[in-house]
mmCIF file of all heavy atoms, coordinates in Angstrom:
data_MODEL
# 
_entry.id   MODEL 
# 
loop_
_atom_site.group_PDB 
_atom_site.id 
_atom_site.type_symbol 
_atom_site.label_atom_id 
_atom_site.label_alt_id 
_atom_site.label_comp_id 
_atom_site.label_asym_id 
_atom_site.label_entity_id 
_atom_site.label_seq_id 
_atom_site.pdbx_PDB_ins_code 
_atom_site.Cartn_x 
_atom_site.Cartn_y 
_atom_site.Cartn_z 
_atom_site.occupancy 
_atom_site.B_iso_or_equiv 
_atom_site.pdbx_formal_charge 
_atom_site.auth_seq_id 
_atom_site.auth_comp_id 
_atom_site.auth_asym_id 
_atom_site.auth_atom_id 
_atom_site.pdbx_PDB_model_num 
ATOM 1   N N   . ASP A 1 1  ? -0.057 -1.641  17.458  1.00 0.00 ? 1  ASP A N   1 
ATOM 2   C CA  . ASP A 1 1  ? 0.689  -2.639  16.729  1.00 0.00 ? 1  ASP A CA  1 
ATOM 3   C C   . ASP A 1 1  ? 1.331  -1.946  15.536  1.00 0.00 ? 1  ASP A C   1 
ATOM 4   O O   . ASP A 1 1  ? 0.608  -1.351  14.727  1.00 0.00 ? 1  ASP A O   1 
ATOM 5   C CB  . ASP A 1 1  ? -0.269 -3.735  16.264  1.00 0.00 ? 1  ASP A CB  1 
ATOM 6   C CG  . ASP A 1 1  ? 0.431  -4.817  15.386  1.00 0.00 ? 1  ASP A CG  1 
ATOM 7   O OD1 . ASP A 1 1  ? 0.624  -4.611  14.230  1.00 0.00 ? 1  ASP A OD1 1 
ATOM 8   O OD2 . ASP A 1 1  ? 0.923  -5.852  15.994  1.00 0.00 ? 1  ASP A OD2 1 
ATOM 9   N N   . MET A 1 2  ? 2.657  -2.031  15.455  1.00 0.00 ? 2  MET A N   1 
ATOM 10  C CA  . MET A 1 2  ? 3.375  -1.309  14.410  1.00 0.00 ? 2  MET A CA  1 
ATOM 11  C C   . MET A 1 2  ? 3.106  -1.817  13.032  1.00 0.00 ? 2  MET A C   1 
ATOM 12  O O   . MET A 1 2  ? 2.725  -1.020  12.141  1.00 0.00 ? 2  MET A O   1 
ATOM 13  C CB  . MET A 1 2  ? 4.878  -1.380  14.704  1.00 0.00 ? 2  MET A CB  1 
ATOM 14  C CG  . MET A 1 2  ? 5.701  -0.474  13.800  1.00 0.00 ? 2  MET A CG  1 
ATOM 15  S SD  . MET A 1 2  ? 5.293  1.237   13.831  1.00 0.00 ? 2  MET A SD  1 
ATOM 16  C CE  . MET A 1 2  ? 6.101  1.780   15.339  1.00 0.00 ? 2  MET A CE  1 
ATOM 17  N N   . LEU A 1 3  ? 3.248  -3.051  12.765  1.00 0.00 ? 3  LEU A N   1 
ATOM 18  C CA  . LEU A 1 3  ? 3.162  -3.544  11.402  1.00 0.00 ? 3  LEU A CA  1 
ATOM 19  C C   . LEU A 1 3  ? 1.730  -3.366  10.852  1.00 0.00 ? 3  LEU A C   1 
ATOM 20  O O   . LEU A 1 3  ? 1.509  -2.876  9.693   1.00 0.00 ? 3  LEU A O   1 
ATOM 21  C CB  . LEU A 1 3  ? 3.440  -5.095  11.309  1.00 0.00 ? 3  LEU A CB  1 
ATOM 22  C CG  . LEU A 1 3  ? 4.897  -5.463  11.495  1.00 0.00 ? 3  LEU A CG  1 
ATOM 23  C CD1 . LEU A 1 3  ? 5.105  -6.953  11.339  1.00 0.00 ? 3  LEU A CD1 1 
ATOM 24  C CD2 . LEU A 1 3  ? 5.847  -4.747  10.380  1.00 0.00 ? 3  LEU A CD2 1 
ATOM 25  N N   . ASN A 1 4  ? 0.698  -3.629  11.679  1.00 0.00 ? 4  ASN A N   1 
ATOM 26  C CA  . ASN A 1 4  ? -0.631 -3.478  11.221  1.00 0.00 ? 4  ASN A CA  1 
ATOM 27  C C   . ASN A 1 4  ? -1.010 -1.999  11.001  1.00 0.00 ? 4  ASN A C   1 
ATOM 28  O O   . ASN A 1 4  ? -1.733 -1.643  10.118  1.00 0.00 ? 4  ASN A O   1 
ATOM 29  C CB  . ASN A 1 4  ? -1.689 -4.078  12.255  1.00 0.00 ? 4  ASN A CB  1 
ATOM 30  C CG  . ASN A 1 4  ? -1.675 -5.593  12.169  1.00 0.00 ? 4  ASN A CG  1 
ATOM 31  O OD1 . ASN A 1 4  ? -1.633 -6.121  11.050  1.00 0.00 ? 4  ASN A OD1 1 
ATOM 32  N ND2 . ASN A 1 4  ? -1.853 -6.188  13.257  1.00 0.00 ? 4  ASN A ND2 1 
ATOM 33  N N   . SER A 1 5  ? -0.415 -1.109  11.866  1.00 0.00 ? 5  SER A N   1 
ATOM 34  C CA  . SER A 1 5  ? -0.712 0.312   11.652  1.00 0.00 ? 5  SER A CA  1 
ATOM 35  C C   . SER A 1 5  ? -0.081 0.853   10.437  1.00 0.00 ? 5  SER A C   1 
ATOM 36  O O   . SER A 1 5  ? -0.650 1.604   9.656   1.00 0.00 ? 5  SER A O   1 
ATOM 37  C CB  . SER A 1 5  ? -0.156 1.006   12.970  1.00 0.00 ? 5  SER A CB  1 
ATOM 38  O OG  . SER A 1 5  ? -0.893 0.596   14.056  1.00 0.00 ? 5  SER A OG  1 
ATOM 39  N N   . LEU A 1 6  ? 1.188  0.458   10.146  1.00 0.00 ? 6  LEU A N   1 
ATOM 40  C CA  . LEU A 1 6  ? 1.897  0.914   8.980   1.00 0.00 ? 6  LEU A CA  1 
ATOM 41  C C   . LEU A 1 6  ? 1.168  0.390   7.744   1.00 0.00 ? 6  LEU A C   1 
ATOM 42  O O   . LEU A 1 6  ? 1.081  1.164   6.762   1.00 0.00 ? 6  LEU A O   1 
ATOM 43  C CB  . LEU A 1 6  ? 3.329  0.329   8.963   1.00 0.00 ? 6  LEU A CB  1 
ATOM 44  C CG  . LEU A 1 6  ? 4.334  1.029   9.951   1.00 0.00 ? 6  LEU A CG  1 
ATOM 45  C CD1 . LEU A 1 6  ? 5.653  0.248   9.896   1.00 0.00 ? 6  LEU A CD1 1 
ATOM 46  C CD2 . LEU A 1 6  ? 4.528  2.496   9.586   1.00 0.00 ? 6  LEU A CD2 1 
ATOM 47  N N   . ALA A 1 7  ? 0.656  -0.749  7.749   1.00 0.00 ? 7  ALA A N   1 
ATOM 48  C CA  . ALA A 1 7  ? -0.121 -1.378  6.634   1.00 0.00 ? 7  ALA A CA  1 
ATOM 49  C C   . ALA A 1 7  ? -1.316 -0.426  6.280   1.00 0.00 ? 7  ALA A C   1 
ATOM 50  O O   . ALA A 1 7  ? -1.712 -0.376  5.090   1.00 0.00 ? 7  ALA A O   1 
ATOM 51  C CB  . ALA A 1 7  ? -0.568 -2.754  6.905   1.00 0.00 ? 7  ALA A CB  1 
ATOM 52  N N   . ILE A 1 8  ? -1.855 0.240   7.232   1.00 0.00 ? 8  ILE A N   1 
ATOM 53  C CA  . ILE A 1 8  ? -3.014 1.107   7.012   1.00 0.00 ? 8  ILE A CA  1 
ATOM 54  C C   . ILE A 1 8  ? -2.570 2.509   6.716   1.00 0.00 ? 8  ILE A C   1 
ATOM 55  O O   . ILE A 1 8  ? -3.066 3.127   5.757   1.00 0.00 ? 8  ILE A O   1 
ATOM 56  C CB  . ILE A 1 8  ? -3.897 1.116   8.317   1.00 0.00 ? 8  ILE A CB  1 
ATOM 57  C CG1 . ILE A 1 8  ? -4.520 -0.280  8.465   1.00 0.00 ? 8  ILE A CG1 1 
ATOM 58  C CG2 . ILE A 1 8  ? -5.016 2.158   8.104   1.00 0.00 ? 8  ILE A CG2 1 
ATOM 59  C CD1 . ILE A 1 8  ? -5.169 -0.483  9.824   1.00 0.00 ? 8  ILE A CD1 1 
ATOM 60  N N   . LEU A 1 9  ? -1.659 3.017   7.452   1.00 0.00 ? 9  LEU A N   1 
ATOM 61  C CA  . LEU A 1 9  ? -1.235 4.445   7.422   1.00 0.00 ? 9  LEU A CA  1 
ATOM 62  C C   . LEU A 1 9  ? -0.513 4.768   6.165   1.00 0.00 ? 9  LEU A C   1 
ATOM 63  O O   . LEU A 1 9  ? -0.726 5.794   5.487   1.00 0.00 ? 9  LEU A O   1 
ATOM 64  C CB  . LEU A 1 9  ? -0.394 4.841   8.605   1.00 0.00 ? 9  LEU A CB  1 
ATOM 65  C CG  . LEU A 1 9  ? -1.036 4.772   10.019  1.00 0.00 ? 9  LEU A CG  1 
ATOM 66  C CD1 . LEU A 1 9  ? -0.044 5.123   11.079  1.00 0.00 ? 9  LEU A CD1 1 
ATOM 67  C CD2 . LEU A 1 9  ? -2.124 5.800   10.068  1.00 0.00 ? 9  LEU A CD2 1 
ATOM 68  N N   . VAL A 1 10 ? 0.472  4.034   5.802   1.00 0.00 ? 10 VAL A N   1 
ATOM 69  C CA  . VAL A 1 10 ? 1.403  4.385   4.781   1.00 0.00 ? 10 VAL A CA  1 
ATOM 70  C C   . VAL A 1 10 ? 0.726  4.473   3.329   1.00 0.00 ? 10 VAL A C   1 
ATOM 71  O O   . VAL A 1 10 ? 0.926  5.419   2.685   1.00 0.00 ? 10 VAL A O   1 
ATOM 72  C CB  . VAL A 1 10 ? 2.665  3.516   4.739   1.00 0.00 ? 10 VAL A CB  1 
ATOM 73  C CG1 . VAL A 1 10 ? 3.643  3.930   3.670   1.00 0.00 ? 10 VAL A CG1 1 
ATOM 74  C CG2 . VAL A 1 10 ? 3.337  3.509   6.069   1.00 0.00 ? 10 VAL A CG2 1 
ATOM 75  N N   . PRO A 1 11 ? 0.033  3.447   2.908   1.00 0.00 ? 11 PRO A N   1 
ATOM 76  C CA  . PRO A 1 11 ? -0.615 3.542   1.612   1.00 0.00 ? 11 PRO A CA  1 
ATOM 77  C C   . PRO A 1 11 ? -1.660 4.726   1.620   1.00 0.00 ? 11 PRO A C   1 
ATOM 78  O O   . PRO A 1 11 ? -1.765 5.388   0.585   1.00 0.00 ? 11 PRO A O   1 
ATOM 79  C CB  . PRO A 1 11 ? -1.352 2.154   1.412   1.00 0.00 ? 11 PRO A CB  1 
ATOM 80  C CG  . PRO A 1 11 ? -0.581 1.258   2.314   1.00 0.00 ? 11 PRO A CG  1 
ATOM 81  C CD  . PRO A 1 11 ? -0.141 2.099   3.482   1.00 0.00 ? 11 PRO A CD  1 
ATOM 82  N N   . TYR A 1 12 ? -2.322 4.927   2.740   1.00 0.00 ? 12 TYR A N   1 
ATOM 83  C CA  . TYR A 1 12 ? -3.315 6.014   2.749   1.00 0.00 ? 12 TYR A CA  1 
ATOM 84  C C   . TYR A 1 12 ? -2.603 7.343   2.637   1.00 0.00 ? 12 TYR A C   1 
ATOM 85  O O   . TYR A 1 12 ? -2.999 8.251   1.920   1.00 0.00 ? 12 TYR A O   1 
ATOM 86  C CB  . TYR A 1 12 ? -4.055 5.980   4.098   1.00 0.00 ? 12 TYR A CB  1 
ATOM 87  C CG  . TYR A 1 12 ? -4.838 7.191   4.392   1.00 0.00 ? 12 TYR A CG  1 
ATOM 88  C CD1 . TYR A 1 12 ? -6.116 7.407   3.800   1.00 0.00 ? 12 TYR A CD1 1 
ATOM 89  C CD2 . TYR A 1 12 ? -4.371 8.203   5.306   1.00 0.00 ? 12 TYR A CD2 1 
ATOM 90  C CE1 . TYR A 1 12 ? -6.859 8.591   4.146   1.00 0.00 ? 12 TYR A CE1 1 
ATOM 91  C CE2 . TYR A 1 12 ? -5.122 9.329   5.571   1.00 0.00 ? 12 TYR A CE2 1 
ATOM 92  C CZ  . TYR A 1 12 ? -6.318 9.486   4.957   1.00 0.00 ? 12 TYR A CZ  1 
ATOM 93  O OH  . TYR A 1 12 ? -7.007 10.656  5.236   1.00 0.00 ? 12 TYR A OH  1 
ATOM 94  N N   . PHE A 1 13 ? -1.469 7.497   3.393   1.00 0.00 ? 13 PHE A N   1 
ATOM 95  C CA  . PHE A 1 13 ? -0.702 8.738   3.355   1.00 0.00 ? 13 PHE A CA  1 
ATOM 96  C C   . PHE A 1 13 ? -0.286 9.111   1.866   1.00 0.00 ? 13 PHE A C   1 
ATOM 97  O O   . PHE A 1 13 ? -0.372 10.330  1.512   1.00 0.00 ? 13 PHE A O   1 
ATOM 98  C CB  . PHE A 1 13 ? 0.444  8.689   4.176   1.00 0.00 ? 13 PHE A CB  1 
ATOM 99  C CG  . PHE A 1 13 ? 1.272  10.015  4.238   1.00 0.00 ? 13 PHE A CG  1 
ATOM 100 C CD1 . PHE A 1 13 ? 0.918  11.000  5.086   1.00 0.00 ? 13 PHE A CD1 1 
ATOM 101 C CD2 . PHE A 1 13 ? 2.308  10.177  3.415   1.00 0.00 ? 13 PHE A CD2 1 
ATOM 102 C CE1 . PHE A 1 13 ? 1.674  12.213  5.100   1.00 0.00 ? 13 PHE A CE1 1 
ATOM 103 C CE2 . PHE A 1 13 ? 3.067  11.383  3.396   1.00 0.00 ? 13 PHE A CE2 1 
ATOM 104 C CZ  . PHE A 1 13 ? 2.749  12.431  4.241   1.00 0.00 ? 13 PHE A CZ  1 
ATOM 105 N N   . TYR A 1 14 ? 0.126  8.131   1.165   1.00 0.00 ? 14 TYR A N   1 
ATOM 106 C CA  . TYR A 1 14 ? 0.629  8.382   -0.241  1.00 0.00 ? 14 TYR A CA  1 
ATOM 107 C C   . TYR A 1 14 ? -0.448 8.216   -1.344  1.00 0.00 ? 14 TYR A C   1 
ATOM 108 O O   . TYR A 1 14 ? -0.151 8.153   -2.451  1.00 0.00 ? 14 TYR A O   1 
ATOM 109 C CB  . TYR A 1 14 ? 1.802  7.491   -0.508  1.00 0.00 ? 14 TYR A CB  1 
ATOM 110 C CG  . TYR A 1 14 ? 3.060  7.854   0.259   1.00 0.00 ? 14 TYR A CG  1 
ATOM 111 C CD1 . TYR A 1 14 ? 3.532  7.089   1.335   1.00 0.00 ? 14 TYR A CD1 1 
ATOM 112 C CD2 . TYR A 1 14 ? 3.767  9.000   -0.030  1.00 0.00 ? 14 TYR A CD2 1 
ATOM 113 C CE1 . TYR A 1 14 ? 4.582  7.490   2.065   1.00 0.00 ? 14 TYR A CE1 1 
ATOM 114 C CE2 . TYR A 1 14 ? 4.900  9.434   0.686   1.00 0.00 ? 14 TYR A CE2 1 
ATOM 115 C CZ  . TYR A 1 14 ? 5.281  8.655   1.668   1.00 0.00 ? 14 TYR A CZ  1 
ATOM 116 O OH  . TYR A 1 14 ? 6.404  9.030   2.400   1.00 0.00 ? 14 TYR A OH  1 
ATOM 117 N N   . ASP A 1 15 ? -1.684 8.157   -0.841  1.00 0.00 ? 15 ASP A N   1 
ATOM 118 C CA  . ASP A 1 15 ? -2.845 8.143   -1.778  1.00 0.00 ? 15 ASP A CA  1 
ATOM 119 C C   . ASP A 1 15 ? -2.897 6.957   -2.689  1.00 0.00 ? 15 ASP A C   1 
ATOM 120 O O   . ASP A 1 15 ? -3.251 7.013   -3.876  1.00 0.00 ? 15 ASP A O   1 
ATOM 121 C CB  . ASP A 1 15 ? -2.969 9.418   -2.613  1.00 0.00 ? 15 ASP A CB  1 
ATOM 122 C CG  . ASP A 1 15 ? -3.118 10.658  -1.770  1.00 0.00 ? 15 ASP A CG  1 
ATOM 123 O OD1 . ASP A 1 15 ? -3.939 10.594  -0.766  1.00 0.00 ? 15 ASP A OD1 1 
ATOM 124 O OD2 . ASP A 1 15 ? -2.513 11.719  -1.964  1.00 0.00 ? 15 ASP A OD2 1 
ATOM 125 N N   . TYR A 1 16 ? -2.454 5.786   -2.146  1.00 0.00 ? 16 TYR A N   1 
ATOM 126 C CA  . TYR A 1 16 ? -2.606 4.488   -2.896  1.00 0.00 ? 16 TYR A CA  1 
ATOM 127 C C   . TYR A 1 16 ? -2.045 4.586   -4.272  1.00 0.00 ? 16 TYR A C   1 
ATOM 128 O O   . TYR A 1 16 ? -2.719 4.360   -5.286  1.00 0.00 ? 16 TYR A O   1 
ATOM 129 C CB  . TYR A 1 16 ? -3.965 4.044   -2.888  1.00 0.00 ? 16 TYR A CB  1 
ATOM 130 C CG  . TYR A 1 16 ? -4.518 3.932   -1.523  1.00 0.00 ? 16 TYR A CG  1 
ATOM 131 C CD1 . TYR A 1 16 ? -5.375 4.947   -0.981  1.00 0.00 ? 16 TYR A CD1 1 
ATOM 132 C CD2 . TYR A 1 16 ? -4.299 2.796   -0.648  1.00 0.00 ? 16 TYR A CD2 1 
ATOM 133 C CE1 . TYR A 1 16 ? -5.910 4.793   0.355   1.00 0.00 ? 16 TYR A CE1 1 
ATOM 134 C CE2 . TYR A 1 16 ? -4.845 2.620   0.557   1.00 0.00 ? 16 TYR A CE2 1 
ATOM 135 C CZ  . TYR A 1 16 ? -5.618 3.668   1.103   1.00 0.00 ? 16 TYR A CZ  1 
ATOM 136 O OH  . TYR A 1 16 ? -6.077 3.557   2.342   1.00 0.00 ? 16 TYR A OH  1 
ATOM 137 N N   . PRO A 1 17 ? -0.701 4.831   -4.450  1.00 0.00 ? 17 PRO A N   1 
ATOM 138 C CA  . PRO A 1 17 ? -0.140 4.957   -5.813  1.00 0.00 ? 17 PRO A CA  1 
ATOM 139 C C   . PRO A 1 17 ? -0.322 3.784   -6.716  1.00 0.00 ? 17 PRO A C   1 
ATOM 140 O O   . PRO A 1 17 ? -0.369 3.937   -7.972  1.00 0.00 ? 17 PRO A O   1 
ATOM 141 C CB  . PRO A 1 17 ? 1.256  5.275   -5.567  1.00 0.00 ? 17 PRO A CB  1 
ATOM 142 C CG  . PRO A 1 17 ? 1.555  4.722   -4.193  1.00 0.00 ? 17 PRO A CG  1 
ATOM 143 C CD  . PRO A 1 17 ? 0.307  4.988   -3.449  1.00 0.00 ? 17 PRO A CD  1 
ATOM 144 N N   . SER A 1 18 ? -0.441 2.562   -6.153  1.00 0.00 ? 18 SER A N   1 
ATOM 145 C CA  . SER A 1 18 ? -0.572 1.359   -6.961  1.00 0.00 ? 18 SER A CA  1 
ATOM 146 C C   . SER A 1 18 ? -1.809 1.358   -7.841  1.00 0.00 ? 18 SER A C   1 
ATOM 147 O O   . SER A 1 18 ? -1.890 0.675   -8.831  1.00 0.00 ? 18 SER A O   1 
ATOM 148 C CB  . SER A 1 18 ? -0.475 0.132   -6.133  1.00 0.00 ? 18 SER A CB  1 
ATOM 149 O OG  . SER A 1 18 ? -1.626 -0.009  -5.316  1.00 0.00 ? 18 SER A OG  1 
ATOM 150 N N   . LYS A 1 19 ? -2.835 2.159   -7.392  1.00 0.00 ? 19 LYS A N   1 
ATOM 151 C CA  . LYS A 1 19 ? -4.089 2.185   -8.108  1.00 0.00 ? 19 LYS A CA  1 
ATOM 152 C C   . LYS A 1 19 ? -3.920 2.903   -9.446  1.00 0.00 ? 19 LYS A C   1 
ATOM 153 O O   . LYS A 1 19 ? -4.833 2.876   -10.263 1.00 0.00 ? 19 LYS A O   1 
ATOM 154 C CB  . LYS A 1 19 ? -5.147 2.839   -7.212  1.00 0.00 ? 19 LYS A CB  1 
ATOM 155 C CG  . LYS A 1 19 ? -5.482 2.046   -6.007  1.00 0.00 ? 19 LYS A CG  1 
ATOM 156 C CD  . LYS A 1 19 ? -6.621 2.711   -5.147  1.00 0.00 ? 19 LYS A CD  1 
ATOM 157 C CE  . LYS A 1 19 ? -6.805 2.003   -3.901  1.00 0.00 ? 19 LYS A CE  1 
ATOM 158 N NZ  . LYS A 1 19 ? -7.363 0.657   -4.061  1.00 0.00 ? 19 LYS A NZ  1 
ATOM 159 N N   . LYS A 1 20 ? -2.780 3.621   -9.584  1.00 0.00 ? 20 LYS A N   1 
ATOM 160 C CA  . LYS A 1 20 ? -2.574 4.407   -10.787 1.00 0.00 ? 20 LYS A CA  1 
ATOM 161 C C   . LYS A 1 20 ? -1.813 3.722   -11.914 1.00 0.00 ? 20 LYS A C   1 
ATOM 162 O O   . LYS A 1 20 ? -1.509 4.227   -12.938 1.00 0.00 ? 20 LYS A O   1 
ATOM 163 C CB  . LYS A 1 20 ? -1.886 5.765   -10.418 1.00 0.00 ? 20 LYS A CB  1 
ATOM 164 C CG  . LYS A 1 20 ? -2.664 6.626   -9.381  1.00 0.00 ? 20 LYS A CG  1 
ATOM 165 C CD  . LYS A 1 20 ? -1.763 7.655   -8.796  1.00 0.00 ? 20 LYS A CD  1 
ATOM 166 C CE  . LYS A 1 20 ? -2.548 8.311   -7.563  1.00 0.00 ? 20 LYS A CE  1 
ATOM 167 N NZ  . LYS A 1 20 ? -1.696 9.249   -6.851  1.00 0.00 ? 20 LYS A NZ  1 
ATOM 168 N N   . MET A 1 21 ? -1.391 2.431   -11.612 1.00 0.00 ? 21 MET A N   1 
ATOM 169 C CA  . MET A 1 21 ? -0.681 1.636   -12.579 1.00 0.00 ? 21 MET A CA  1 
ATOM 170 C C   . MET A 1 21 ? -1.305 0.218   -12.504 1.00 0.00 ? 21 MET A C   1 
ATOM 171 O O   . MET A 1 21 ? -1.861 -0.192  -11.603 1.00 0.00 ? 21 MET A O   1 
ATOM 172 C CB  . MET A 1 21 ? 0.837  1.635   -12.136 1.00 0.00 ? 21 MET A CB  1 
ATOM 173 C CG  . MET A 1 21 ? 1.477  2.964   -11.967 1.00 0.00 ? 21 MET A CG  1 
ATOM 174 S SD  . MET A 1 21 ? 3.173  2.844   -11.284 1.00 0.00 ? 21 MET A SD  1 
ATOM 175 C CE  . MET A 1 21 ? 2.723  2.649   -9.527  1.00 0.00 ? 21 MET A CE  1 
ATOM 176 N N   . ARG A 1 22 ? -0.961 -0.592  -13.524 1.00 0.00 ? 22 ARG A N   1 
ATOM 177 C CA  . ARG A 1 22 ? -1.232 -1.996  -13.492 1.00 0.00 ? 22 ARG A CA  1 
ATOM 178 C C   . ARG A 1 22 ? -0.145 -2.686  -12.733 1.00 0.00 ? 22 ARG A C   1 
ATOM 179 O O   . ARG A 1 22 ? 1.053  -2.461  -12.943 1.00 0.00 ? 22 ARG A O   1 
ATOM 180 C CB  . ARG A 1 22 ? -1.388 -2.570  -14.912 1.00 0.00 ? 22 ARG A CB  1 
ATOM 181 C CG  . ARG A 1 22 ? -2.393 -1.979  -15.776 1.00 0.00 ? 22 ARG A CG  1 
ATOM 182 C CD  . ARG A 1 22 ? -3.830 -2.301  -15.344 1.00 0.00 ? 22 ARG A CD  1 
ATOM 183 N NE  . ARG A 1 22 ? -4.173 -3.705  -15.485 1.00 0.00 ? 22 ARG A NE  1 
ATOM 184 C CZ  . ARG A 1 22 ? -5.418 -4.110  -15.161 1.00 0.00 ? 22 ARG A CZ  1 
ATOM 185 N NH1 . ARG A 1 22 ? -6.322 -3.339  -14.643 1.00 0.00 ? 22 ARG A NH1 1 
ATOM 186 N NH2 . ARG A 1 22 ? -5.666 -5.418  -15.316 1.00 0.00 ? 22 ARG A NH2 1 
ATOM 187 N N   . VAL A 1 23 ? -0.518 -3.609  -11.747 1.00 0.00 ? 23 VAL A N   1 
ATOM 188 C CA  . VAL A 1 23 ? 0.425  -4.267  -10.944 1.00 0.00 ? 23 VAL A CA  1 
ATOM 189 C C   . VAL A 1 23 ? 0.359  -5.772  -11.026 1.00 0.00 ? 23 VAL A C   1 
ATOM 190 O O   . VAL A 1 23 ? -0.735 -6.338  -10.903 1.00 0.00 ? 23 VAL A O   1 
ATOM 191 C CB  . VAL A 1 23 ? 0.291  -3.882  -9.457  1.00 0.00 ? 23 VAL A CB  1 
ATOM 192 C CG1 . VAL A 1 23 ? 1.366  -4.482  -8.620  1.00 0.00 ? 23 VAL A CG1 1 
ATOM 193 C CG2 . VAL A 1 23 ? 0.363  -2.294  -9.312  1.00 0.00 ? 23 VAL A CG2 1 
ATOM 194 N N   . ILE A 1 24 ? 1.468  -6.381  -11.345 1.00 0.00 ? 24 ILE A N   1 
ATOM 195 C CA  . ILE A 1 24 ? 1.488  -7.840  -11.525 1.00 0.00 ? 24 ILE A CA  1 
ATOM 196 C C   . ILE A 1 24 ? 2.441  -8.396  -10.507 1.00 0.00 ? 24 ILE A C   1 
ATOM 197 O O   . ILE A 1 24 ? 3.596  -8.005  -10.383 1.00 0.00 ? 24 ILE A O   1 
ATOM 198 C CB  . ILE A 1 24 ? 2.071  -8.273  -12.913 1.00 0.00 ? 24 ILE A CB  1 
ATOM 199 C CG1 . ILE A 1 24 ? 1.141  -7.740  -14.047 1.00 0.00 ? 24 ILE A CG1 1 
ATOM 200 C CG2 . ILE A 1 24 ? 2.156  -9.787  -13.048 1.00 0.00 ? 24 ILE A CG2 1 
ATOM 201 C CD1 . ILE A 1 24 ? 1.726  -7.894  -15.434 1.00 0.00 ? 24 ILE A CD1 1 
ATOM 202 N N   . GLY A 1 25 ? 1.939  -9.258  -9.585  1.00 0.00 ? 25 GLY A N   1 
ATOM 203 C CA  . GLY A 1 25 ? 2.654  -9.879  -8.493  1.00 0.00 ? 25 GLY A CA  1 
ATOM 204 C C   . GLY A 1 25 ? 2.949  -11.363 -8.764  1.00 0.00 ? 25 GLY A C   1 
ATOM 205 O O   . GLY A 1 25 ? 2.056  -12.108 -9.254  1.00 0.00 ? 25 GLY A O   1 
ATOM 206 N N   . VAL A 1 26 ? 4.135  -11.787 -8.424  1.00 0.00 ? 26 VAL A N   1 
ATOM 207 C CA  . VAL A 1 26 ? 4.590  -13.160 -8.673  1.00 0.00 ? 26 VAL A CA  1 
ATOM 208 C C   . VAL A 1 26 ? 5.011  -13.758 -7.304  1.00 0.00 ? 26 VAL A C   1 
ATOM 209 O O   . VAL A 1 26 ? 5.981  -13.223 -6.694  1.00 0.00 ? 26 VAL A O   1 
ATOM 210 C CB  . VAL A 1 26 ? 5.695  -13.280 -9.653  1.00 0.00 ? 26 VAL A CB  1 
ATOM 211 C CG1 . VAL A 1 26 ? 6.017  -14.775 -9.991  1.00 0.00 ? 26 VAL A CG1 1 
ATOM 212 C CG2 . VAL A 1 26 ? 5.374  -12.573 -10.986 1.00 0.00 ? 26 VAL A CG2 1 
ATOM 213 N N   . THR A 1 27 ? 4.363  -14.821 -6.873  1.00 0.00 ? 27 THR A N   1 
ATOM 214 C CA  . THR A 1 27 ? 4.774  -15.524 -5.668  1.00 0.00 ? 27 THR A CA  1 
ATOM 215 C C   . THR A 1 27 ? 5.040  -16.949 -5.974  1.00 0.00 ? 27 THR A C   1 
ATOM 216 O O   . THR A 1 27 ? 4.567  -17.522 -6.976  1.00 0.00 ? 27 THR A O   1 
ATOM 217 C CB  . THR A 1 27 ? 3.745  -15.327 -4.608  1.00 0.00 ? 27 THR A CB  1 
ATOM 218 O OG1 . THR A 1 27 ? 4.304  -15.650 -3.323  1.00 0.00 ? 27 THR A OG1 1 
ATOM 219 C CG2 . THR A 1 27 ? 2.488  -16.233 -4.760  1.00 0.00 ? 27 THR A CG2 1 
# 
């Protein structure tokens, strides 16, 4: 499954950069 695989692979590959900053999400 492409979407589910990308959701796992891409953040892992880039070492989860969001963990190095404060992130505020608005929905």
